[in-house]
Amino acid sequence: MSDDRGPALGLILAGGQGARMRPLGAKPFVELGGRPMVAHVLERLAPGLDHVLVSGLPGPEWDWTGCEVVPDRGAAFGGPLVGIASALAVLRARLGSQPFRLVTAPADAPFLPHDLAEQLLRAGGERAAVATYGGSWVPTCALWHPNDLALPDAVAGRSIRSVLEALDAVPVEFPVKREAPGGDPFLNINTPAELALVRLALEDARRSDGSRK
C-alpha cells in the first residue's frame, strides 16, 4: 500500500528462542489447523502491505513464505525491540531517504485481525501506533517509522512499550474476534498446553459450525 509516505511493510517477530514450546519444535512452525502457526500470522498481517519480512534466524525453513529474514544485529535473541530496530536499520540503509512504514506482529498470535495493518496505518499517520484490546496495549503489534528507533545496540534491554510510550503512540482498539478462544484476537500461544487448548477450541468451533449447517 505505497503512497506518498513510501512503502508499507510488515515484520513478523520470530526471533525468540521459544523454549517453552521447544519439545514440539520451533514455535513458528508448530502445526495449527493443518498449517504452521506462522502461516496464520502471515495471512492476517499481509493485507494492505507491500511486502512482509521476518525477524529471526535465516534458514531454508522460511523459503515457502517468500519473506526476507532479517537477523538481529549484535547478539542473537536480543528481544523483539532489537529485532524491530535491526529491521528498521536494514530498511533505512536500503531505502536511503525514502520514507516507509513498518507494521509488526508476533509469530505466535494466529488469530490476528485481518485488518491489523490497515487500521494501524490509517490511525498512525506520521506517528507510531499500537494495537489495543479491551483497553490494554499489545506492544508487539504496532506501526513504526524509519527514525522511531535508534540502532539495535542502543535499545537492548528496553521494552517495546516504554519506547512506544515515549513516542506517544496512537492506541488503536480492536474488537472481540469470535473465532479466537476467549475472543482475544491477540492471543499468544507459548506452551504445548496452550496449544492443545487452542486446538481443542478450534475443533469444538468446527463441530459447532457443522451442526448449524
N, C-alpha and C. Protein backbone atom coordinates (compact mmCIF):
# COMPACT_ATOMS: atom_id res chain seq x y z
N MET A 1 0.84 -1.18 0.00
CA MET A 1 0.00 0.00 0.00
C MET A 1 0.89 1.25 0.00
N SER A 2 1.70 1.38 -1.04
CA SER A 2 2.59 2.53 -1.15
C SER A 2 1.78 3.80 -1.43
N ASP A 3 2.23 4.92 -0.86
CA ASP A 3 1.67 6.22 -1.17
C ASP A 3 2.79 7.24 -0.99
N ASP A 4 2.45 8.49 -0.78
CA ASP A 4 3.50 9.50 -0.66
C ASP A 4 4.31 9.35 0.62
N ARG A 5 3.89 8.45 1.49
CA ARG A 5 4.67 8.15 2.70
C ARG A 5 5.55 6.92 2.49
N GLY A 6 5.65 6.46 1.25
CA GLY A 6 6.52 5.33 0.95
C GLY A 6 5.85 3.98 1.15
N PRO A 7 6.59 2.91 0.96
CA PRO A 7 6.01 1.57 1.07
C PRO A 7 5.57 1.24 2.50
N ALA A 8 4.54 0.42 2.58
CA ALA A 8 4.06 -0.10 3.86
C ALA A 8 4.53 -1.55 3.97
N LEU A 9 5.35 -1.83 4.95
CA LEU A 9 5.98 -3.14 5.10
C LEU A 9 5.54 -3.79 6.41
N GLY A 10 5.67 -5.10 6.47
CA GLY A 10 5.35 -5.82 7.69
C GLY A 10 6.57 -6.54 8.22
N LEU A 11 6.57 -6.81 9.51
CA LEU A 11 7.66 -7.56 10.15
C LEU A 11 7.07 -8.54 11.15
N ILE A 12 7.26 -9.84 10.89
CA ILE A 12 6.84 -10.88 11.83
C ILE A 12 7.97 -11.11 12.82
N LEU A 13 7.67 -10.98 14.09
CA LEU A 13 8.68 -11.12 15.14
C LEU A 13 8.81 -12.59 15.51
N ALA A 14 9.88 -13.22 15.01
CA ALA A 14 10.09 -14.65 15.22
C ALA A 14 11.50 -14.93 15.72
N GLY A 15 12.07 -13.96 16.44
CA GLY A 15 13.45 -14.09 16.87
C GLY A 15 13.65 -14.68 18.25
N GLY A 16 12.56 -15.04 18.93
CA GLY A 16 12.70 -15.61 20.28
C GLY A 16 13.12 -17.06 20.24
N GLN A 17 13.57 -17.56 21.37
CA GLN A 17 14.01 -18.95 21.45
C GLN A 17 12.85 -19.92 21.59
N GLY A 18 11.70 -19.44 22.08
CA GLY A 18 10.54 -20.31 22.21
C GLY A 18 10.80 -21.55 23.04
N ALA A 19 11.54 -21.38 24.15
CA ALA A 19 11.99 -22.54 24.92
C ALA A 19 10.82 -23.37 25.46
N ARG A 20 9.72 -22.70 25.85
CA ARG A 20 8.61 -23.44 26.45
C ARG A 20 7.87 -24.30 25.43
N MET A 21 8.02 -23.98 24.15
CA MET A 21 7.36 -24.78 23.11
C MET A 21 8.32 -25.78 22.47
N ARG A 22 9.58 -25.73 22.86
CA ARG A 22 10.62 -26.47 22.15
C ARG A 22 10.37 -27.97 22.00
N PRO A 23 9.74 -28.65 22.96
CA PRO A 23 9.51 -30.09 22.73
C PRO A 23 8.74 -30.40 21.45
N LEU A 24 7.96 -29.41 20.95
CA LEU A 24 7.18 -29.62 19.72
C LEU A 24 7.88 -29.05 18.49
N GLY A 25 9.06 -28.45 18.68
CA GLY A 25 9.78 -27.85 17.56
C GLY A 25 9.76 -26.34 17.63
N ALA A 26 10.33 -25.69 16.61
CA ALA A 26 10.37 -24.22 16.57
C ALA A 26 8.94 -23.67 16.55
N LYS A 27 8.66 -22.73 17.44
CA LYS A 27 7.28 -22.26 17.64
C LYS A 27 6.60 -21.77 16.37
N PRO A 28 7.25 -20.98 15.50
CA PRO A 28 6.53 -20.51 14.32
C PRO A 28 6.02 -21.63 13.40
N PHE A 29 6.66 -22.81 13.50
CA PHE A 29 6.32 -23.88 12.56
C PHE A 29 5.50 -25.00 13.19
N VAL A 30 5.08 -24.80 14.44
CA VAL A 30 4.20 -25.78 15.08
C VAL A 30 2.86 -25.79 14.34
N GLU A 31 2.33 -26.97 14.13
CA GLU A 31 1.09 -27.12 13.34
C GLU A 31 -0.12 -26.65 14.12
N LEU A 32 -0.95 -25.86 13.43
CA LEU A 32 -2.23 -25.42 13.99
C LEU A 32 -3.23 -25.37 12.85
N GLY A 33 -4.28 -26.16 12.96
CA GLY A 33 -5.30 -26.18 11.90
C GLY A 33 -4.74 -26.64 10.57
N GLY A 34 -3.75 -27.55 10.60
CA GLY A 34 -3.20 -28.10 9.37
C GLY A 34 -2.13 -27.25 8.71
N ARG A 35 -1.74 -26.14 9.36
CA ARG A 35 -0.71 -25.26 8.79
C ARG A 35 0.25 -24.81 9.89
N PRO A 36 1.46 -24.38 9.52
CA PRO A 36 2.34 -23.80 10.54
C PRO A 36 1.70 -22.57 11.17
N MET A 37 1.94 -22.37 12.46
CA MET A 37 1.34 -21.24 13.14
C MET A 37 1.66 -19.92 12.44
N VAL A 38 2.90 -19.77 11.96
CA VAL A 38 3.28 -18.51 11.33
C VAL A 38 2.53 -18.27 10.02
N ALA A 39 2.02 -19.33 9.40
CA ALA A 39 1.23 -19.14 8.17
C ALA A 39 -0.05 -18.37 8.47
N HIS A 40 -0.65 -18.62 9.63
CA HIS A 40 -1.84 -17.88 10.03
C HIS A 40 -1.50 -16.40 10.25
N VAL A 41 -0.35 -16.16 10.88
CA VAL A 41 0.08 -14.77 11.13
C VAL A 41 0.33 -14.05 9.82
N LEU A 42 1.05 -14.68 8.91
CA LEU A 42 1.37 -14.07 7.62
C LEU A 42 0.10 -13.75 6.85
N GLU A 43 -0.86 -14.65 6.86
CA GLU A 43 -2.12 -14.45 6.15
C GLU A 43 -2.87 -13.23 6.69
N ARG A 44 -2.78 -12.99 7.99
CA ARG A 44 -3.52 -11.89 8.61
C ARG A 44 -2.76 -10.56 8.58
N LEU A 45 -1.44 -10.63 8.57
CA LEU A 45 -0.66 -9.40 8.57
C LEU A 45 -0.51 -8.81 7.17
N ALA A 46 -0.45 -9.65 6.16
CA ALA A 46 -0.10 -9.21 4.80
C ALA A 46 -1.09 -8.24 4.15
N PRO A 47 -2.42 -8.37 4.36
CA PRO A 47 -3.34 -7.47 3.66
C PRO A 47 -3.01 -5.99 3.90
N GLY A 48 -2.93 -5.23 2.80
CA GLY A 48 -2.65 -3.81 2.90
C GLY A 48 -1.18 -3.47 2.93
N LEU A 49 -0.31 -4.48 2.88
CA LEU A 49 1.13 -4.24 2.93
C LEU A 49 1.77 -4.59 1.58
N ASP A 50 2.89 -3.91 1.28
CA ASP A 50 3.60 -4.19 0.04
C ASP A 50 4.47 -5.44 0.14
N HIS A 51 5.00 -5.71 1.32
CA HIS A 51 5.85 -6.87 1.50
C HIS A 51 5.97 -7.14 3.00
N VAL A 52 6.22 -8.40 3.36
CA VAL A 52 6.39 -8.78 4.75
C VAL A 52 7.76 -9.40 4.95
N LEU A 53 8.46 -8.96 5.99
CA LEU A 53 9.74 -9.52 6.37
C LEU A 53 9.57 -10.31 7.67
N VAL A 54 10.61 -11.05 8.03
CA VAL A 54 10.62 -11.82 9.26
C VAL A 54 11.85 -11.43 10.07
N SER A 55 11.67 -11.20 11.36
CA SER A 55 12.79 -11.00 12.27
C SER A 55 13.09 -12.34 12.92
N GLY A 56 14.25 -12.91 12.59
CA GLY A 56 14.59 -14.21 13.13
C GLY A 56 15.89 -14.72 12.54
N LEU A 57 16.16 -16.00 12.74
CA LEU A 57 17.37 -16.61 12.21
C LEU A 57 17.09 -17.13 10.80
N PRO A 58 17.86 -16.68 9.81
CA PRO A 58 17.64 -17.16 8.43
C PRO A 58 17.85 -18.67 8.32
N GLY A 59 17.13 -19.27 7.40
CA GLY A 59 17.26 -20.70 7.16
C GLY A 59 16.27 -21.14 6.10
N PRO A 60 16.50 -22.32 5.50
CA PRO A 60 15.63 -22.79 4.42
C PRO A 60 14.20 -23.04 4.85
N GLU A 61 13.97 -23.18 6.14
CA GLU A 61 12.60 -23.43 6.61
C GLU A 61 11.67 -22.26 6.33
N TRP A 62 12.23 -21.09 6.03
CA TRP A 62 11.42 -19.92 5.73
C TRP A 62 11.14 -19.76 4.24
N ASP A 63 11.75 -20.56 3.39
CA ASP A 63 11.66 -20.33 1.95
C ASP A 63 10.23 -20.28 1.44
N TRP A 64 9.36 -21.13 1.97
CA TRP A 64 7.98 -21.21 1.47
C TRP A 64 7.19 -19.93 1.71
N THR A 65 7.64 -19.10 2.67
CA THR A 65 6.90 -17.88 2.99
C THR A 65 7.13 -16.78 1.96
N GLY A 66 8.26 -16.82 1.25
CA GLY A 66 8.61 -15.73 0.35
C GLY A 66 9.06 -14.47 1.07
N CYS A 67 9.28 -14.57 2.38
CA CYS A 67 9.67 -13.41 3.19
C CYS A 67 11.19 -13.36 3.36
N GLU A 68 11.74 -12.17 3.27
CA GLU A 68 13.14 -11.97 3.63
C GLU A 68 13.27 -12.07 5.15
N VAL A 69 14.30 -12.79 5.61
CA VAL A 69 14.52 -12.95 7.05
C VAL A 69 15.66 -12.03 7.47
N VAL A 70 15.38 -11.17 8.44
CA VAL A 70 16.36 -10.19 8.93
C VAL A 70 16.84 -10.63 10.31
N PRO A 71 18.10 -11.02 10.45
CA PRO A 71 18.60 -11.42 11.78
C PRO A 71 18.85 -10.21 12.68
N ASP A 72 18.87 -10.46 13.98
CA ASP A 72 19.21 -9.41 14.94
C ASP A 72 20.64 -8.95 14.69
N ARG A 73 20.86 -7.65 14.77
CA ARG A 73 22.22 -7.13 14.75
C ARG A 73 22.80 -7.25 16.15
N GLY A 74 24.05 -7.71 16.24
CA GLY A 74 24.64 -7.96 17.55
C GLY A 74 24.29 -9.38 17.98
N ALA A 75 24.16 -9.58 19.28
CA ALA A 75 23.88 -10.91 19.81
C ALA A 75 22.49 -11.36 19.40
N ALA A 76 22.38 -12.65 19.05
CA ALA A 76 21.08 -13.22 18.70
C ALA A 76 20.18 -13.26 19.94
N PHE A 77 18.87 -13.35 19.70
CA PHE A 77 17.87 -13.44 20.77
C PHE A 77 17.93 -12.22 21.69
N GLY A 78 18.10 -11.04 21.10
CA GLY A 78 18.18 -9.82 21.89
C GLY A 78 16.83 -9.29 22.31
N GLY A 79 15.77 -9.93 21.90
CA GLY A 79 14.43 -9.49 22.24
C GLY A 79 13.75 -8.81 21.06
N PRO A 80 12.43 -8.68 21.11
CA PRO A 80 11.70 -8.15 19.95
C PRO A 80 12.06 -6.72 19.59
N LEU A 81 12.39 -5.88 20.58
CA LEU A 81 12.74 -4.49 20.25
C LEU A 81 14.03 -4.44 19.44
N VAL A 82 14.99 -5.29 19.77
CA VAL A 82 16.22 -5.38 18.98
C VAL A 82 15.91 -5.85 17.57
N GLY A 83 14.97 -6.80 17.45
CA GLY A 83 14.56 -7.27 16.12
C GLY A 83 13.95 -6.16 15.28
N ILE A 84 13.10 -5.34 15.92
CA ILE A 84 12.48 -4.23 15.20
C ILE A 84 13.53 -3.20 14.80
N ALA A 85 14.43 -2.86 15.74
CA ALA A 85 15.49 -1.90 15.44
C ALA A 85 16.40 -2.41 14.33
N SER A 86 16.67 -3.71 14.32
CA SER A 86 17.52 -4.29 13.27
C SER A 86 16.86 -4.18 11.91
N ALA A 87 15.56 -4.46 11.84
CA ALA A 87 14.83 -4.36 10.57
C ALA A 87 14.78 -2.92 10.10
N LEU A 88 14.52 -1.98 11.01
CA LEU A 88 14.49 -0.57 10.63
C LEU A 88 15.85 -0.12 10.10
N ALA A 89 16.93 -0.59 10.73
CA ALA A 89 18.27 -0.22 10.28
C ALA A 89 18.55 -0.75 8.88
N VAL A 90 18.16 -1.99 8.62
CA VAL A 90 18.34 -2.58 7.29
C VAL A 90 17.54 -1.80 6.25
N LEU A 91 16.31 -1.46 6.58
CA LEU A 91 15.46 -0.75 5.63
C LEU A 91 15.94 0.68 5.39
N ARG A 92 16.42 1.34 6.44
CA ARG A 92 16.98 2.69 6.25
C ARG A 92 18.18 2.66 5.32
N ALA A 93 19.05 1.66 5.50
CA ALA A 93 20.23 1.55 4.64
C ALA A 93 19.84 1.25 3.20
N ARG A 94 18.79 0.47 3.03
CA ARG A 94 18.36 0.06 1.68
C ARG A 94 17.59 1.15 0.97
N LEU A 95 16.74 1.86 1.69
CA LEU A 95 15.84 2.83 1.08
C LEU A 95 16.36 4.26 1.13
N GLY A 96 17.43 4.47 1.88
CA GLY A 96 18.00 5.80 1.95
C GLY A 96 17.03 6.80 2.57
N SER A 97 16.82 7.90 1.88
CA SER A 97 15.94 8.94 2.41
C SER A 97 14.46 8.68 2.11
N GLN A 98 14.15 7.60 1.40
CA GLN A 98 12.75 7.32 1.08
C GLN A 98 11.99 6.95 2.35
N PRO A 99 10.85 7.54 2.59
CA PRO A 99 10.07 7.18 3.78
C PRO A 99 9.46 5.79 3.63
N PHE A 100 9.14 5.18 4.75
CA PHE A 100 8.44 3.90 4.74
C PHE A 100 7.75 3.73 6.09
N ARG A 101 6.84 2.77 6.17
CA ARG A 101 6.16 2.40 7.41
C ARG A 101 6.38 0.93 7.66
N LEU A 102 6.46 0.53 8.93
CA LEU A 102 6.67 -0.87 9.28
C LEU A 102 5.66 -1.28 10.34
N VAL A 103 4.86 -2.30 10.02
CA VAL A 103 3.87 -2.84 10.95
C VAL A 103 4.39 -4.17 11.49
N THR A 104 4.43 -4.31 12.80
CA THR A 104 4.97 -5.52 13.41
C THR A 104 3.87 -6.38 14.04
N ALA A 105 4.16 -7.69 14.11
CA ALA A 105 3.26 -8.64 14.76
C ALA A 105 4.07 -9.86 15.17
N PRO A 106 3.70 -10.52 16.27
CA PRO A 106 4.45 -11.70 16.72
C PRO A 106 4.06 -12.95 15.94
N ALA A 107 5.01 -13.89 15.88
CA ALA A 107 4.80 -15.13 15.12
C ALA A 107 3.90 -16.13 15.84
N ASP A 108 3.53 -15.85 17.09
CA ASP A 108 2.75 -16.82 17.87
C ASP A 108 1.34 -16.32 18.18
N ALA A 109 0.82 -15.42 17.32
CA ALA A 109 -0.54 -14.88 17.51
C ALA A 109 -1.37 -15.20 16.27
N PRO A 110 -1.89 -16.40 16.15
CA PRO A 110 -2.52 -16.85 14.90
C PRO A 110 -3.93 -16.33 14.65
N PHE A 111 -4.49 -15.52 15.57
CA PHE A 111 -5.85 -15.03 15.36
C PHE A 111 -5.90 -13.52 15.13
N LEU A 112 -4.80 -12.95 14.68
CA LEU A 112 -4.73 -11.50 14.47
C LEU A 112 -5.86 -11.01 13.57
N PRO A 113 -6.31 -9.77 13.78
CA PRO A 113 -7.31 -9.20 12.87
C PRO A 113 -6.75 -9.11 11.45
N HIS A 114 -7.58 -9.42 10.46
CA HIS A 114 -7.14 -9.33 9.07
C HIS A 114 -6.89 -7.89 8.64
N ASP A 115 -7.46 -6.93 9.37
CA ASP A 115 -7.26 -5.53 9.03
C ASP A 115 -6.28 -4.85 9.99
N LEU A 116 -5.42 -5.62 10.64
CA LEU A 116 -4.48 -5.06 11.60
C LEU A 116 -3.63 -3.97 10.97
N ALA A 117 -2.96 -4.29 9.85
CA ALA A 117 -2.08 -3.30 9.22
C ALA A 117 -2.88 -2.09 8.73
N GLU A 118 -4.00 -2.35 8.11
CA GLU A 118 -4.82 -1.26 7.57
C GLU A 118 -5.22 -0.27 8.67
N GLN A 119 -5.67 -0.79 9.79
CA GLN A 119 -6.13 0.08 10.87
C GLN A 119 -4.98 0.87 11.50
N LEU A 120 -3.84 0.21 11.71
CA LEU A 120 -2.69 0.90 12.29
C LEU A 120 -2.16 1.97 11.35
N LEU A 121 -2.09 1.65 10.06
CA LEU A 121 -1.60 2.63 9.09
C LEU A 121 -2.51 3.84 9.01
N ARG A 122 -3.81 3.59 9.04
CA ARG A 122 -4.77 4.69 8.94
C ARG A 122 -4.71 5.58 10.18
N ALA A 123 -4.64 4.97 11.35
CA ALA A 123 -4.70 5.74 12.58
C ALA A 123 -3.39 6.45 12.89
N GLY A 124 -2.28 5.80 12.55
CA GLY A 124 -1.00 6.34 12.95
C GLY A 124 -0.56 7.56 12.17
N GLY A 125 -0.80 7.54 10.86
CA GLY A 125 -0.31 8.65 10.05
C GLY A 125 1.20 8.77 10.16
N GLU A 126 1.67 9.92 10.63
CA GLU A 126 3.10 10.15 10.80
C GLU A 126 3.59 9.75 12.19
N ARG A 127 2.68 9.28 13.04
CA ARG A 127 3.06 8.86 14.40
C ARG A 127 3.09 7.35 14.50
N ALA A 128 3.78 6.86 15.53
CA ALA A 128 3.69 5.44 15.85
C ALA A 128 2.27 5.14 16.31
N ALA A 129 1.87 3.89 16.17
CA ALA A 129 0.55 3.46 16.63
C ALA A 129 0.69 2.08 17.25
N VAL A 130 -0.21 1.75 18.18
CA VAL A 130 -0.15 0.47 18.87
C VAL A 130 -1.55 -0.11 18.97
N ALA A 131 -1.66 -1.42 18.73
CA ALA A 131 -2.95 -2.10 18.87
C ALA A 131 -3.31 -2.22 20.34
N THR A 132 -4.60 -2.12 20.62
CA THR A 132 -5.10 -2.36 21.97
C THR A 132 -6.30 -3.30 21.89
N TYR A 133 -6.52 -4.03 22.97
CA TYR A 133 -7.69 -4.90 23.06
C TYR A 133 -8.21 -4.83 24.49
N GLY A 134 -9.47 -4.52 24.64
CA GLY A 134 -10.03 -4.35 25.98
C GLY A 134 -9.34 -3.24 26.74
N GLY A 135 -8.81 -2.26 26.00
CA GLY A 135 -8.13 -1.14 26.64
C GLY A 135 -6.68 -1.39 26.99
N SER A 136 -6.21 -2.62 26.78
CA SER A 136 -4.81 -2.96 27.11
C SER A 136 -3.94 -2.93 25.85
N TRP A 137 -2.75 -2.39 25.99
CA TRP A 137 -1.82 -2.33 24.86
C TRP A 137 -1.32 -3.71 24.46
N VAL A 138 -1.08 -3.87 23.15
CA VAL A 138 -0.43 -5.06 22.60
C VAL A 138 0.83 -4.54 21.88
N PRO A 139 1.91 -4.28 22.61
CA PRO A 139 3.05 -3.55 22.05
C PRO A 139 3.73 -4.22 20.86
N THR A 140 3.63 -5.56 20.77
CA THR A 140 4.27 -6.22 19.63
C THR A 140 3.53 -5.97 18.32
N CYS A 141 2.30 -5.48 18.40
CA CYS A 141 1.51 -5.15 17.20
C CYS A 141 1.45 -3.63 17.09
N ALA A 142 2.35 -3.09 16.29
CA ALA A 142 2.50 -1.63 16.28
C ALA A 142 2.96 -1.15 14.91
N LEU A 143 2.80 0.14 14.70
CA LEU A 143 3.26 0.83 13.49
C LEU A 143 4.48 1.67 13.84
N TRP A 144 5.54 1.50 13.03
CA TRP A 144 6.80 2.21 13.26
C TRP A 144 7.20 2.99 12.00
N HIS A 145 7.96 4.06 12.23
CA HIS A 145 8.51 4.87 11.14
C HIS A 145 10.03 4.80 11.17
N PRO A 146 10.71 5.20 10.11
CA PRO A 146 12.15 4.95 9.98
C PRO A 146 13.00 5.39 11.17
N ASN A 147 12.70 6.53 11.76
CA ASN A 147 13.56 7.06 12.82
C ASN A 147 12.98 6.89 14.22
N ASP A 148 12.02 5.98 14.37
CA ASP A 148 11.42 5.77 15.69
C ASP A 148 12.36 5.06 16.66
N LEU A 149 13.32 4.31 16.13
CA LEU A 149 14.25 3.56 16.98
C LEU A 149 15.68 3.85 16.59
N ALA A 150 16.56 3.88 17.60
CA ALA A 150 17.99 4.01 17.35
C ALA A 150 18.54 2.65 16.91
N LEU A 151 19.85 2.59 16.76
CA LEU A 151 20.49 1.34 16.37
C LEU A 151 20.26 0.26 17.42
N PRO A 152 20.28 -1.03 17.02
CA PRO A 152 19.94 -2.12 17.95
C PRO A 152 20.69 -2.08 19.27
N ASP A 153 21.99 -1.77 19.24
CA ASP A 153 22.76 -1.77 20.48
C ASP A 153 22.22 -0.76 21.50
N ALA A 154 21.57 0.30 20.99
CA ALA A 154 21.08 1.36 21.88
C ALA A 154 19.76 1.02 22.54
N VAL A 155 19.06 0.01 22.04
CA VAL A 155 17.74 -0.31 22.60
C VAL A 155 17.74 -1.60 23.39
N ALA A 156 18.87 -2.30 23.42
CA ALA A 156 18.94 -3.58 24.14
C ALA A 156 18.54 -3.35 25.60
N GLY A 157 17.66 -4.21 26.09
CA GLY A 157 17.22 -4.14 27.47
C GLY A 157 15.99 -3.27 27.69
N ARG A 158 15.57 -2.50 26.69
CA ARG A 158 14.38 -1.68 26.84
C ARG A 158 13.15 -2.47 26.40
N SER A 159 11.99 -2.09 26.88
CA SER A 159 10.75 -2.75 26.47
C SER A 159 10.13 -2.02 25.29
N ILE A 160 9.38 -2.74 24.49
CA ILE A 160 8.69 -2.12 23.37
C ILE A 160 7.72 -1.07 23.90
N ARG A 161 7.02 -1.40 24.97
CA ARG A 161 6.01 -0.47 25.49
C ARG A 161 6.65 0.86 25.90
N SER A 162 7.80 0.81 26.56
CA SER A 162 8.43 2.05 27.02
C SER A 162 8.78 2.95 25.84
N VAL A 163 9.22 2.35 24.74
CA VAL A 163 9.56 3.15 23.56
C VAL A 163 8.31 3.73 22.93
N LEU A 164 7.26 2.92 22.80
CA LEU A 164 6.01 3.41 22.22
C LEU A 164 5.40 4.52 23.07
N GLU A 165 5.51 4.40 24.39
CA GLU A 165 5.02 5.46 25.27
C GLU A 165 5.80 6.75 25.03
N ALA A 166 7.13 6.63 24.89
CA ALA A 166 7.95 7.81 24.65
C ALA A 166 7.62 8.46 23.30
N LEU A 167 7.18 7.63 22.34
CA LEU A 167 6.80 8.13 21.02
C LEU A 167 5.36 8.66 20.99
N ASP A 168 4.66 8.56 22.12
CA ASP A 168 3.25 8.99 22.20
C ASP A 168 2.43 8.28 21.12
N ALA A 169 2.58 6.96 21.08
CA ALA A 169 1.91 6.15 20.06
C ALA A 169 0.39 6.26 20.16
N VAL A 170 -0.26 6.26 19.02
CA VAL A 170 -1.71 6.32 18.94
C VAL A 170 -2.29 4.94 19.25
N PRO A 171 -3.14 4.79 20.25
CA PRO A 171 -3.76 3.49 20.51
C PRO A 171 -4.90 3.22 19.52
N VAL A 172 -4.95 1.98 19.03
CA VAL A 172 -5.98 1.58 18.08
C VAL A 172 -6.68 0.35 18.65
N GLU A 173 -7.93 0.52 19.06
CA GLU A 173 -8.68 -0.56 19.70
C GLU A 173 -9.26 -1.52 18.67
N PHE A 174 -9.13 -2.83 18.94
CA PHE A 174 -9.70 -3.86 18.07
C PHE A 174 -10.77 -4.63 18.84
N PRO A 175 -11.82 -5.06 18.13
CA PRO A 175 -12.94 -5.72 18.81
C PRO A 175 -12.68 -7.20 19.08
N VAL A 176 -13.60 -7.79 19.83
CA VAL A 176 -13.60 -9.23 20.06
C VAL A 176 -13.65 -9.96 18.72
N LYS A 177 -12.93 -11.08 18.65
CA LYS A 177 -12.94 -11.88 17.44
C LYS A 177 -13.52 -13.25 17.77
N ARG A 178 -14.62 -13.59 17.14
CA ARG A 178 -15.38 -14.79 17.52
C ARG A 178 -14.55 -16.06 17.37
N GLU A 179 -13.73 -16.13 16.34
CA GLU A 179 -13.00 -17.38 16.09
C GLU A 179 -11.87 -17.61 17.09
N ALA A 180 -11.43 -16.56 17.79
CA ALA A 180 -10.32 -16.70 18.73
C ALA A 180 -10.82 -17.21 20.07
N PRO A 181 -10.14 -18.16 20.68
CA PRO A 181 -10.54 -18.62 22.01
C PRO A 181 -10.60 -17.45 22.99
N GLY A 182 -11.74 -17.33 23.67
CA GLY A 182 -11.92 -16.21 24.58
C GLY A 182 -12.18 -14.89 23.89
N GLY A 183 -12.21 -14.90 22.55
CA GLY A 183 -12.48 -13.69 21.79
C GLY A 183 -11.29 -12.78 21.59
N ASP A 184 -10.11 -13.14 22.11
CA ASP A 184 -8.93 -12.28 22.07
C ASP A 184 -8.19 -12.45 20.74
N PRO A 185 -8.21 -11.44 19.86
CA PRO A 185 -7.54 -11.58 18.57
C PRO A 185 -6.02 -11.58 18.68
N PHE A 186 -5.49 -11.19 19.85
CA PHE A 186 -4.04 -11.11 20.04
C PHE A 186 -3.52 -12.24 20.95
N LEU A 187 -4.31 -13.27 21.09
CA LEU A 187 -3.92 -14.41 21.92
C LEU A 187 -2.58 -14.98 21.47
N ASN A 188 -1.64 -15.10 22.42
CA ASN A 188 -0.34 -15.71 22.15
C ASN A 188 -0.37 -17.18 22.59
N ILE A 189 0.31 -18.02 21.83
CA ILE A 189 0.44 -19.43 22.18
C ILE A 189 1.91 -19.69 22.51
N ASN A 190 2.18 -19.99 23.79
CA ASN A 190 3.56 -20.07 24.24
C ASN A 190 3.99 -21.45 24.71
N THR A 191 3.04 -22.33 25.04
CA THR A 191 3.39 -23.63 25.60
C THR A 191 2.60 -24.73 24.91
N PRO A 192 3.07 -25.99 25.00
CA PRO A 192 2.29 -27.10 24.45
C PRO A 192 0.88 -27.20 25.05
N ALA A 193 0.75 -26.87 26.34
CA ALA A 193 -0.58 -26.93 26.97
C ALA A 193 -1.51 -25.89 26.35
N GLU A 194 -1.01 -24.67 26.12
CA GLU A 194 -1.83 -23.63 25.49
C GLU A 194 -2.19 -24.03 24.07
N LEU A 195 -1.24 -24.63 23.36
CA LEU A 195 -1.52 -25.07 22.00
C LEU A 195 -2.61 -26.13 21.98
N ALA A 196 -2.56 -27.06 22.93
CA ALA A 196 -3.57 -28.11 23.00
C ALA A 196 -4.96 -27.52 23.25
N LEU A 197 -5.04 -26.52 24.13
CA LEU A 197 -6.32 -25.89 24.41
C LEU A 197 -6.87 -25.15 23.18
N VAL A 198 -5.98 -24.49 22.44
CA VAL A 198 -6.43 -23.78 21.23
C VAL A 198 -6.89 -24.77 20.18
N ARG A 199 -6.15 -25.86 20.00
CA ARG A 199 -6.57 -26.88 19.04
C ARG A 199 -7.95 -27.44 19.41
N LEU A 200 -8.18 -27.68 20.70
CA LEU A 200 -9.46 -28.19 21.16
C LEU A 200 -10.57 -27.18 20.90
N ALA A 201 -10.29 -25.90 21.14
CA ALA A 201 -11.29 -24.85 20.90
C ALA A 201 -11.63 -24.75 19.42
N LEU A 202 -10.63 -24.88 18.56
CA LEU A 202 -10.88 -24.83 17.12
C LEU A 202 -11.71 -26.02 16.67
N GLU A 203 -11.41 -27.18 17.23
CA GLU A 203 -12.17 -28.37 16.86
C GLU A 203 -13.62 -28.25 17.33
N ASP A 204 -13.82 -27.72 18.53
CA ASP A 204 -15.19 -27.52 19.03
C ASP A 204 -15.94 -26.53 18.15
N ALA A 205 -15.24 -25.47 17.70
CA ALA A 205 -15.87 -24.47 16.85
C ALA A 205 -16.26 -25.08 15.51
N ARG A 206 -15.39 -25.93 14.95
CA ARG A 206 -15.72 -26.59 13.69
C ARG A 206 -16.94 -27.49 13.83
N ARG A 207 -17.00 -28.24 14.93
CA ARG A 207 -18.15 -29.12 15.16
C ARG A 207 -19.42 -28.30 15.32
N SER A 208 -19.31 -27.18 16.04
CA SER A 208 -20.47 -26.33 16.24
C SER A 208 -20.97 -25.74 14.94
N ASP A 209 -20.03 -25.28 14.09
CA ASP A 209 -20.42 -24.74 12.79
C ASP A 209 -21.06 -25.80 11.92
N GLY A 210 -20.52 -27.02 11.99
CA GLY A 210 -21.08 -28.10 11.19
C GLY A 210 -22.48 -28.48 11.62
N SER A 211 -22.76 -28.41 12.91
CA SER A 211 -24.07 -28.79 13.41
C SER A 211 -25.14 -27.77 13.03
N ARG A 212 -24.72 -26.52 12.72
CA ARG A 212 -25.68 -25.49 12.35
C ARG A 212 -26.00 -25.49 10.88
N LYS A 213 -25.23 -26.24 10.09
CA LYS A 213 -25.45 -26.25 8.64
C LYS A 213 -26.55 -27.22 8.28
